[in-house]
Protein backbone atom coordinates (compact mmCIF):
# COMPACT_ATOMS: atom_id res chain seq x y z
CA MET A 1 -25.22 2.26 -37.81
CA SER A 2 -23.89 3.87 -34.66
CA LYS A 3 -20.36 4.70 -34.37
CA ALA A 4 -18.54 2.45 -31.97
CA PRO A 5 -17.35 4.48 -28.85
CA PRO A 6 -13.48 5.15 -28.79
CA PRO A 7 -11.53 2.72 -26.73
CA VAL A 8 -10.57 3.42 -23.16
CA ALA A 9 -7.00 4.47 -22.99
CA LEU A 10 -5.12 3.57 -19.76
CA VAL A 11 -1.55 4.54 -18.94
CA GLY A 12 0.25 2.10 -16.65
CA ALA A 13 0.50 -1.65 -16.88
CA GLY A 14 1.42 -2.23 -13.04
CA PRO A 15 -0.66 -4.00 -10.81
CA THR A 16 -3.57 -1.44 -10.58
CA GLY A 17 -3.42 -0.74 -14.18
CA ALA A 18 -3.58 -4.31 -15.13
CA LEU A 19 -6.37 -5.13 -12.48
CA LEU A 20 -8.47 -2.07 -13.89
CA ALA A 21 -8.15 -3.11 -17.35
CA ILE A 22 -9.28 -6.59 -16.69
CA LEU A 23 -12.45 -5.15 -14.86
CA LEU A 24 -13.28 -2.73 -17.58
CA LYS A 25 -12.95 -5.44 -20.32
CA ARG A 26 -15.13 -7.74 -18.39
CA ARG A 27 -17.75 -4.82 -18.54
CA GLY A 28 -17.22 -4.98 -22.37
CA SER A 29 -14.83 -1.73 -22.76
CA HIS A 30 -12.34 -1.96 -25.66
CA VAL A 31 -9.41 -1.21 -23.44
CA VAL A 32 -5.80 -0.43 -24.78
CA VAL A 33 -3.03 0.08 -21.98
CA TYR A 34 0.17 2.09 -22.62
CA GLU A 35 3.20 1.13 -20.51
CA ALA A 36 6.51 3.18 -20.56
CA ARG A 37 8.52 -0.02 -19.51
CA PRO A 38 9.40 -3.07 -21.44
CA ASP A 39 7.08 -6.03 -20.85
CA PRO A 40 8.30 -7.31 -16.93
CA ARG A 41 7.26 -10.90 -18.15
CA ARG A 42 10.48 -10.81 -20.53
CA HIS A 43 12.78 -8.54 -19.05
CA PRO A 44 14.55 -8.85 -15.41
CA GLU A 45 12.91 -6.67 -13.07
CA GLU A 46 14.81 -3.62 -11.47
CA SER A 47 16.05 -4.49 -8.08
CA GLY A 48 16.20 -1.83 -5.20
CA ARG A 49 13.27 0.02 -5.56
CA SER A 50 10.29 -2.49 -4.76
CA ILE A 51 9.26 -3.00 -1.44
CA ASN A 52 7.54 -6.41 -1.07
CA LEU A 53 3.78 -5.99 -1.01
CA ALA A 54 1.42 -6.74 1.89
CA LEU A 55 -1.77 -8.26 0.57
CA ALA A 56 -4.82 -7.87 3.19
CA ALA A 57 -8.37 -8.05 3.17
CA ARG A 58 -9.09 -5.01 0.74
CA GLY A 59 -6.71 -6.55 -1.99
CA ILE A 60 -7.84 -9.76 -1.26
CA ARG A 61 -11.33 -8.85 -2.10
CA ALA A 62 -10.47 -7.34 -5.34
CA LEU A 63 -8.52 -10.33 -6.54
CA GLU A 64 -11.26 -12.78 -5.56
CA GLN A 65 -13.83 -10.75 -7.84
CA VAL A 66 -11.52 -11.41 -10.88
CA GLY A 67 -10.76 -14.99 -9.91
CA LEU A 68 -6.86 -14.58 -9.28
CA LEU A 69 -6.51 -14.99 -5.51
CA GLU A 70 -6.12 -19.00 -5.84
CA ARG A 71 -3.45 -18.69 -8.38
CA LEU A 72 -1.52 -16.60 -5.93
CA ARG A 73 -1.96 -19.14 -3.08
CA GLY A 74 1.56 -20.83 -3.50
CA LYS A 75 3.27 -17.36 -3.90
CA LEU A 76 1.66 -15.84 -0.68
CA VAL A 77 3.53 -16.12 2.84
CA PRO A 78 0.99 -15.42 5.42
CA MET A 79 2.11 -12.70 8.26
CA ARG A 80 0.41 -13.43 11.60
CA GLY A 81 1.95 -10.57 13.18
CA ARG A 82 5.06 -8.36 13.75
CA PHE A 83 7.89 -10.03 15.19
CA VAL A 84 9.99 -7.16 16.85
CA HIS A 85 13.69 -7.19 17.53
CA PRO A 86 14.42 -4.53 20.15
CA ARG A 87 17.95 -3.41 21.15
CA ASP A 88 18.04 -5.43 24.31
CA GLY A 89 17.23 -8.73 22.35
CA ARG A 90 14.13 -9.60 23.76
CA THR A 91 12.39 -10.56 20.83
CA ALA A 92 8.28 -11.01 20.74
CA LEU A 93 5.73 -11.75 18.39
CA GLN A 94 2.88 -9.10 18.37
CA PRO A 95 -0.22 -10.75 16.74
CA TYR A 96 -1.89 -8.33 14.38
CA GLY A 97 -5.61 -9.70 15.31
CA THR A 98 -7.48 -11.94 17.83
CA ARG A 99 -8.42 -14.48 15.10
CA ALA A 100 -6.38 -17.09 13.40
CA ASP A 101 -7.53 -16.02 10.04
CA GLU A 102 -6.34 -12.43 10.74
CA THR A 103 -3.21 -12.46 8.69
CA ILE A 104 -1.72 -10.53 6.05
CA HIS A 105 0.26 -11.84 3.35
CA SER A 106 3.72 -11.08 1.81
CA ILE A 107 3.86 -11.30 -2.03
CA SER A 108 6.71 -10.30 -4.56
CA ARG A 109 5.37 -7.04 -6.58
CA ALA A 110 7.13 -8.53 -9.80
CA THR A 111 5.16 -12.11 -9.18
CA LEU A 112 1.96 -10.09 -8.59
CA GLY A 113 2.35 -7.89 -11.62
CA ARG A 114 3.48 -10.55 -13.88
CA LEU A 115 0.37 -12.85 -13.04
CA LEU A 116 -2.15 -9.73 -13.52
CA LEU A 117 -0.57 -9.14 -16.95
CA ASP A 118 -0.79 -12.76 -17.88
CA VAL A 119 -4.53 -12.65 -17.30
CA ALA A 120 -5.35 -9.48 -18.67
CA VAL A 121 -3.54 -10.02 -22.04
CA GLY A 122 -3.82 -14.01 -22.37
CA GLU A 123 -7.54 -14.43 -20.94
CA TYR A 124 -9.16 -10.99 -21.45
CA GLY A 125 -7.63 -9.87 -24.57
CA VAL A 126 -6.45 -6.66 -23.07
CA ASP A 127 -4.14 -4.59 -25.74
CA VAL A 128 -1.16 -3.79 -23.97
CA ARG A 129 1.58 -1.83 -25.41
CA PHE A 130 4.95 -1.62 -23.80
CA GLU A 131 7.61 0.92 -24.16
CA HIS A 132 5.01 3.46 -25.33
CA ARG A 133 6.00 6.48 -23.08
CA LEU A 134 3.65 9.51 -22.41
CA ASP A 135 5.31 12.37 -23.81
CA ALA A 136 2.71 15.22 -23.47
CA ILE A 137 -1.22 16.09 -23.41
CA ASP A 138 -2.40 18.38 -25.66
CA TRP A 139 -5.74 19.47 -23.96
CA HIS A 140 -7.03 21.85 -26.50
CA ALA A 141 -6.81 19.06 -29.15
CA GLY A 142 -8.09 16.40 -26.88
CA HIS A 143 -5.29 13.72 -27.16
CA ALA A 144 -2.17 12.48 -25.66
CA VAL A 145 1.16 11.97 -27.33
CA LEU A 146 2.83 8.98 -26.98
CA ARG A 147 6.42 7.94 -27.96
CA ASP A 148 6.42 4.23 -29.28
CA PRO A 149 9.58 2.24 -29.20
CA HIS A 150 11.21 3.64 -32.19
CA ASP A 151 10.49 7.21 -30.75
CA HIS A 152 7.45 7.90 -33.21
CA PRO A 153 4.73 10.11 -32.01
CA ILE A 154 1.55 8.49 -31.56
CA GLU A 155 -1.60 10.70 -30.86
CA VAL A 156 -4.35 9.01 -28.56
CA PRO A 157 -7.92 10.62 -27.76
CA ILE A 158 -8.29 11.52 -24.06
CA ARG A 159 -12.08 10.46 -23.66
CA PRO A 160 -11.49 8.99 -21.65
CA LEU A 161 -7.87 8.53 -20.62
CA ILE A 162 -7.25 6.89 -17.06
CA ALA A 163 -3.92 7.47 -15.33
CA CYS A 164 -2.59 4.45 -13.23
CA ASP A 165 0.97 5.51 -14.03
CA GLY A 166 2.15 5.82 -10.27
CA ALA A 167 3.21 8.14 -7.61
CA GLY A 168 5.62 9.88 -10.31
CA SER A 169 2.27 10.32 -12.52
CA ARG A 170 3.04 12.28 -16.01
CA VAL A 171 -0.56 12.50 -16.36
CA ARG A 172 -0.89 14.21 -12.88
CA ARG A 173 1.96 16.54 -13.64
CA SER A 174 0.20 17.62 -16.69
CA LEU A 175 -2.95 18.36 -15.00
CA ALA A 176 -1.38 20.17 -12.41
CA ASP A 177 0.95 22.25 -14.63
CA THR A 178 -2.11 23.37 -16.58
CA ARG A 179 -3.90 24.31 -13.56
CA ARG A 180 -6.56 21.63 -14.06
CA ILE A 181 -6.10 20.31 -10.80
CA GLU A 182 -4.18 21.09 -7.45
CA VAL A 183 -1.44 18.89 -6.31
CA TYR A 184 0.33 18.65 -2.73
CA GLU A 185 3.51 16.38 -2.38
CA GLU A 186 4.85 16.15 0.68
CA ALA A 187 8.31 14.30 1.08
CA LEU A 188 9.31 12.30 4.07
CA GLU A 189 12.76 13.21 5.54
CA HIS A 190 13.36 9.38 5.46
CA GLY A 191 14.32 7.37 2.53
CA TYR A 192 14.79 3.49 2.17
CA LYS A 193 17.24 0.89 0.54
CA GLU A 194 16.18 -2.58 -0.23
CA LEU A 195 18.43 -5.23 1.33
CA SER A 196 18.30 -9.13 1.06
CA ILE A 197 18.47 -11.79 3.76
CA PRO A 198 19.03 -15.07 2.00
CA ALA A 199 17.56 -18.37 3.09
CA MET A 200 20.22 -20.67 5.15
CA THR A 201 22.37 -22.95 3.26
CA ASP A 202 19.85 -25.80 3.89
CA GLY A 203 17.25 -23.86 2.49
CA THR A 204 15.32 -23.10 5.73
CA ALA A 205 14.24 -19.36 6.59
CA ALA A 206 16.96 -17.32 8.56
CA LEU A 207 14.18 -16.15 10.74
CA PRO A 208 10.70 -17.08 12.11
CA ARG A 209 8.81 -17.18 8.72
CA GLU A 210 5.20 -16.38 8.96
CA ALA A 211 5.92 -12.61 10.49
CA LEU A 212 6.82 -9.28 9.44
CA HIS A 213 9.93 -8.82 11.19
CA VAL A 214 10.58 -5.28 12.55
CA TRP A 215 13.81 -3.69 14.44
CA PRO A 216 12.69 -0.56 15.81
CA ARG A 217 15.33 2.01 16.68
CA GLY A 218 13.36 5.10 17.57
CA ASP A 219 14.01 7.37 14.41
CA HIS A 220 14.92 4.80 11.88
CA MET A 221 14.06 0.88 11.42
CA LEU A 222 14.70 -2.29 9.65
CA ILE A 223 11.60 -4.48 8.40
CA ALA A 224 12.12 -8.05 6.75
CA LEU A 225 9.04 -9.38 4.90
CA PRO A 226 9.03 -13.42 3.98
CA ASN A 227 9.38 -14.66 0.43
CA ASP A 228 8.27 -18.09 -0.74
CA ASP A 229 11.79 -19.38 -1.27
CA GLY A 230 12.88 -18.82 2.52
CA SER A 231 14.67 -15.64 1.81
CA PHE A 232 13.44 -12.14 3.10
CA THR A 233 13.22 -8.87 1.48
CA ALA A 234 14.57 -6.55 4.06
CA THR A 235 14.19 -2.64 3.89
CA LEU A 236 16.01 -0.21 5.87
CA PHE A 237 13.97 3.39 6.53
CA LEU A 238 16.56 5.94 7.62
CA ARG A 239 16.81 9.95 7.64
CA ARG A 240 18.38 11.11 4.16
CA ARG A 241 20.50 13.73 6.29
CA GLY A 242 21.65 13.90 9.72
CA SER A 243 23.29 11.34 11.75
CA PRO A 244 22.66 8.51 11.48
CA SER A 245 21.64 8.94 7.86
CA PHE A 246 22.23 7.66 4.30
CA GLU A 247 24.22 10.75 3.79
CA SER A 248 26.52 10.19 6.69
CA LEU A 249 26.91 6.41 6.04
CA ALA A 250 29.16 7.36 3.17
CA ASP A 251 31.92 4.45 3.37
CA ARG A 252 31.96 0.70 3.91
CA ARG A 253 33.49 0.66 7.25
CA ALA A 254 30.78 3.22 8.49
CA ILE A 255 27.85 1.09 6.96
CA ALA A 256 29.30 -2.25 8.48
CA THR A 257 29.56 -0.49 11.87
CA PHE A 258 26.22 0.95 11.74
CA PHE A 259 24.49 -2.82 10.96
CA ASP A 260 27.01 -4.57 13.67
CA GLU A 261 25.94 -1.98 16.37
CA ASP A 262 22.36 -1.38 15.52
CA PHE A 263 21.28 -4.81 14.13
CA PRO A 264 23.65 -7.23 15.63
CA ASP A 265 21.38 -10.20 15.38
CA ILE A 266 20.57 -10.10 11.72
CA ALA A 267 23.87 -8.61 10.38
CA PRO A 268 25.65 -11.74 10.16
CA ARG A 269 22.34 -13.23 8.30
CA MET A 270 22.85 -10.47 5.35
CA PRO A 271 26.37 -11.26 3.79
CA GLN A 272 25.47 -8.98 0.93
CA ARG A 273 24.57 -5.70 3.11
CA ILE A 274 27.36 -3.85 2.28
CA ALA A 275 27.07 -4.61 -1.85
CA ASP A 276 23.34 -4.40 -1.45
CA TRP A 277 23.60 -0.77 0.11
CA CYS A 278 26.51 0.40 -2.29
CA ASP A 279 24.64 -1.06 -5.39
CA ARG A 280 21.07 -0.16 -4.72
CA PRO A 281 19.33 3.58 -4.95
CA VAL A 282 17.91 5.33 -1.90
CA GLY A 283 14.18 5.33 -2.41
CA PHE A 284 12.03 7.96 -2.09
CA LEU A 285 9.05 8.16 0.34
CA GLY A 286 6.36 10.87 0.34
CA THR A 287 2.61 11.60 0.43
CA VAL A 288 0.88 12.79 -2.82
CA ARG A 289 -2.78 14.69 -2.56
CA ALA A 290 -4.69 16.04 -5.59
CA ALA A 291 -7.79 17.69 -5.90
CA PRO A 292 -9.86 16.73 -7.85
CA TRP A 293 -8.50 13.46 -9.53
CA TYR A 294 -10.30 14.32 -12.67
CA HIS A 295 -10.86 16.79 -15.46
CA ARG A 296 -14.14 16.98 -17.38
CA ASP A 297 -14.65 13.41 -19.01
CA GLN A 298 -11.27 13.46 -20.41
CA VAL A 299 -9.02 12.05 -17.38
CA VAL A 300 -8.92 10.35 -14.23
CA LEU A 301 -6.25 9.50 -11.87
CA VAL A 302 -6.40 6.07 -10.16
CA GLY A 303 -4.31 4.56 -7.56
CA ASP A 304 -0.80 6.10 -6.59
CA ALA A 305 -1.25 8.77 -9.52
CA ALA A 306 -3.79 10.17 -7.42
CA HIS A 307 -3.07 9.49 -3.84
CA ALA A 308 0.40 8.01 -3.11
CA VAL A 309 1.02 7.17 0.57
CA VAL A 310 3.83 6.04 2.53
CA PRO A 311 4.23 2.18 2.87
CA PHE A 312 3.72 2.05 6.87
CA HIS A 313 0.28 0.52 7.00
CA GLY A 314 1.18 -1.76 3.93
CA GLN A 315 -2.00 -0.37 2.27
CA GLY A 316 -0.76 1.17 -0.69
CA MET A 317 -1.59 -1.60 -3.16
CA ASN A 318 -4.79 -2.49 -1.23
CA CYS A 319 -5.77 0.93 -1.61
CA CYS A 320 -5.30 1.01 -5.11
CA PHE A 321 -7.11 -2.09 -5.54
CA GLU A 322 -10.07 -0.77 -3.74
CA ASP A 323 -10.03 2.09 -6.22
CA CYS A 324 -10.37 -0.18 -8.95
CA LEU A 325 -13.47 -1.77 -7.52
CA ALA A 326 -14.84 1.69 -6.84
CA LEU A 327 -14.30 3.01 -10.32
CA ASP A 328 -15.87 -0.29 -11.80
CA ALA A 329 -18.91 0.07 -9.66
CA CYS A 330 -19.26 3.74 -10.95
CA VAL A 331 -18.88 2.79 -14.70
CA ALA A 332 -21.78 0.41 -14.00
CA ALA A 333 -23.89 2.96 -12.04
CA TYR A 334 -23.64 5.96 -14.21
CA GLY A 335 -23.80 6.52 -17.90
CA ASP A 336 -21.05 8.91 -18.74
CA TRP A 337 -17.46 9.32 -18.05
CA GLU A 338 -17.85 12.73 -16.24
CA SER A 339 -20.60 11.32 -13.86
CA ARG A 340 -18.25 8.31 -13.28
CA PHE A 341 -15.45 10.23 -12.73
CA ALA A 342 -17.21 12.69 -10.29
CA ALA A 343 -18.92 9.79 -8.34
CA PHE A 344 -15.49 7.88 -8.13
CA TYR A 345 -13.80 11.09 -6.85
CA ALA A 346 -16.50 12.00 -4.11
CA LEU A 347 -16.35 8.28 -2.86
CA ARG A 348 -12.64 7.47 -2.61
CA LYS A 349 -11.13 11.14 -1.88
CA PRO A 350 -12.08 11.08 1.78
CA ASN A 351 -10.81 7.63 2.21
CA ALA A 352 -7.48 8.21 0.57
CA ASP A 353 -6.78 11.21 2.89
CA ALA A 354 -7.73 8.86 5.64
CA ILE A 355 -5.19 6.10 4.87
CA ALA A 356 -2.65 8.67 4.11
CA ALA A 357 -2.84 10.21 7.45
CA MET A 358 -3.08 6.69 9.03
CA SER A 359 0.09 5.45 7.21
CA LEU A 360 2.37 8.50 8.50
CA GLU A 361 1.16 7.78 12.04
CA ASN A 362 1.96 4.08 11.77
CA TYR A 363 5.29 4.86 10.91
CA GLU A 364 6.10 6.13 14.26
CA GLU A 365 4.28 3.12 15.91
CA MET A 366 6.58 0.83 14.04
CA ARG A 367 9.98 2.32 14.59
CA ALA A 368 9.36 3.31 18.26
CA LYS A 369 6.01 2.76 20.09
CA VAL A 370 6.03 -1.18 19.64
CA VAL A 371 8.57 -1.56 22.20
CA ASP A 372 6.92 0.96 24.65
CA PRO A 373 5.20 -0.75 27.26
CA ARG A 374 2.44 1.78 27.39
CA PHE A 375 1.56 0.89 23.57
CA GLN A 376 1.71 -2.79 24.65
CA VAL A 377 -0.63 -2.64 27.33
CA GLN A 378 -3.18 -0.78 25.16
CA SER A 379 -2.70 -3.28 22.41
CA ALA A 380 -3.71 -5.87 24.90
CA LEU A 381 -6.66 -3.91 26.24
CA ALA A 382 -7.75 -3.45 22.67
CA HIS A 383 -7.72 -7.11 21.69
CA GLU A 384 -9.65 -7.98 24.99
CA LEU A 385 -12.23 -5.17 24.12
CA GLU A 386 -12.60 -6.73 20.69
CA ARG A 387 -13.32 -10.15 22.20
CA ARG A 388 -15.97 -8.75 24.69
CA LEU A 389 -17.43 -6.33 22.25
CA PRO A 390 -16.79 -7.50 18.40
CA ASP A 391 -19.86 -5.32 17.08
CA ARG A 392 -18.50 -2.05 18.98
CA PHE A 393 -14.80 -2.05 19.40
CA ILE A 394 -12.29 -3.22 16.77
CA PRO A 395 -8.73 -1.96 16.77
CA ARG A 396 -8.12 0.49 14.15
CA TYR A 397 -5.46 -1.52 12.85
CA SER A 398 -7.72 -4.52 12.49
CA MET A 399 -10.37 -2.28 10.81
CA VAL A 400 -7.80 -1.05 8.18
CA MET A 401 -6.42 -4.52 7.54
CA PHE A 402 -9.06 -6.88 8.03
CA HIS A 403 -12.33 -5.18 7.44
CA PRO A 404 -12.76 -4.12 4.06
CA GLU A 405 -16.36 -3.37 4.68
CA ILE A 406 -15.28 -0.56 7.00
CA PRO A 407 -14.05 2.41 4.85
CA TYR A 408 -10.85 4.24 5.90
CA GLN A 409 -12.38 7.32 6.82
CA LEU A 410 -14.71 5.27 9.42
CA ALA A 411 -11.53 3.63 10.66
CA GLU A 412 -9.85 6.77 11.31
CA ARG A 413 -12.49 8.49 12.65
CA ARG A 414 -13.47 5.54 15.38
CA GLY A 415 -9.74 4.75 15.88
CA ARG A 416 -9.06 8.28 17.04
CA ILE A 417 -12.16 7.92 19.75
CA GLN A 418 -10.68 4.64 20.61
CA ALA A 419 -7.34 5.94 20.99
CA GLY A 420 -8.63 8.38 23.68
CA LEU A 421 -10.38 5.59 25.40
CA LEU A 422 -7.56 3.27 25.73
CA ALA A 423 -5.25 6.34 26.91
CA ALA A 424 -7.73 6.89 29.67
CA LEU A 425 -8.53 3.24 30.69
CA THR A 426 -4.60 2.53 31.06
CA ALA A 427 -3.57 5.61 32.49
CA ASP A 428 -2.69 4.04 35.76
CA ALA A 429 -1.81 0.43 34.42
CA SER A 430 1.59 -1.39 33.81
CA SER A 431 -0.20 -4.35 32.64
CA LEU A 432 -3.57 -5.66 31.49
CA ALA A 433 -4.05 -7.20 35.05
CA ASP A 434 -4.37 -3.56 36.36
CA VAL A 435 -7.23 -2.58 34.31
CA ASP A 436 -10.78 -3.10 35.47
CA LEU A 437 -12.16 -4.90 32.31
CA ASP A 438 -15.76 -4.99 33.30
CA ALA A 439 -15.48 -0.82 33.64
CA ALA A 440 -13.80 -0.53 30.78
CA GLN A 441 -16.49 -2.38 28.84
CA ARG A 442 -19.12 -0.08 30.49
CA VAL A 443 -17.15 3.01 29.22
CA VAL A 444 -16.64 1.57 25.72
CA GLU A 445 -20.64 0.69 25.70
CA ALA A 446 -21.39 4.25 26.76
CA GLN A 447 -19.04 6.11 24.51
CA LEU A 448 -18.93 4.17 21.37
CA ALA A 449 -21.82 3.56 18.88
CA PRO A 450 -22.13 0.12 17.39
CA ILE A 451 -20.08 -0.13 13.96
CA ALA A 452 -23.18 -0.99 12.06
CA GLN A 453 -24.46 2.10 12.91
CA ASP A 454 -21.94 4.09 11.60
CA LEU A 455 -21.86 1.82 8.53
CA SER A 456 -25.54 2.78 7.76
CA SER A 457 -24.51 6.25 7.31
CA VAL A 458 -21.33 5.56 4.82
CA THR A 459 -21.63 6.88 1.10
CA LYS A 460 -22.12 4.10 -1.31
CA VAL A 461 -21.90 3.93 -4.83
């Protein structure tokens, strides 16, 4: 009798690991997942380090493929645009897209993670072993050493080992320390704190609910994402050092003054802001790039372990879920793990680099450009051109958020061309009425190829 293949060992039971485990189990693989933390379904979540997730088309497509989207419907809060709160108090909703269905959805990371684990364990029989911490990888012996809840060592073969252990991946560190891959980690000079905006005493929301709220302040910003109970999860992005910064705001009086002066419209609706500030840590923001993401047929990095990005495009989870679908497709297309890993890396690396770059660019847009009249004119023109030429002009934000058939690398490339066209077409315009729209249409038709033409050349699995 032929010997059964060893189980697929997967490190990390967060949303990415749980989704990938489901996909691999559906293909008939025996999957064992090792997670350093206790089971989040039985232990309270750690507060202060989890930015609410923005579920967009790429993540939705992945959840649909495993039949989980409908189960989340009651927990998703649609966000139809950015509700901008400038210093002068003239608030405005800036819609994300031109169609009613172009929305993104706010979802609690903990809620999504628990549901994925429930399905992975309860419906697919995935073996998830909590409180199993990766200790080391013995590359010559071909096994990983983990520590169980009693701190006993366990040896796990690494053919294959799939690392879904996040931005601080211990697997990635071992690969880098032994010079099997190269890793570049770029820290942002800003950090973040998670804060709370509770519902009103009558249960209604303190802000218009179906929007992502942004308080742009040039070199820092506050955002707030809605929750299904009427509250908002707010996140302050601020420099670590300088003025103002997390370092300079060192006492309760300075913190209170900062909120009263910079965010006077929402500060009274945040009764716990001082306590939240003092009790919750400053979160780290940075970009991780690695090359390659795999080593032979032994190990592959997936999701944030391979390519963590800053959260300013709302694509971290969506990109990770897209990774899961891509690796699953490579498993189906190739017969050995090294070929699967190589194809996965070739397919996803250019797209991961593209979304990393666009996420950094979007930070400047959110904290400064959204209140710039020039940006607003260009956005209005972009939406008008999309209405006129939907097969040729789609705003970059929409390509990323609402068009999963358009790879990130193509969205970035076309987006740069479109940005140049918009800048030229609005050079002398103070409003959309100042733009010759027929002439603008002719310029776009002459200089921008149809999207289908570019899609035909995209690499597929």
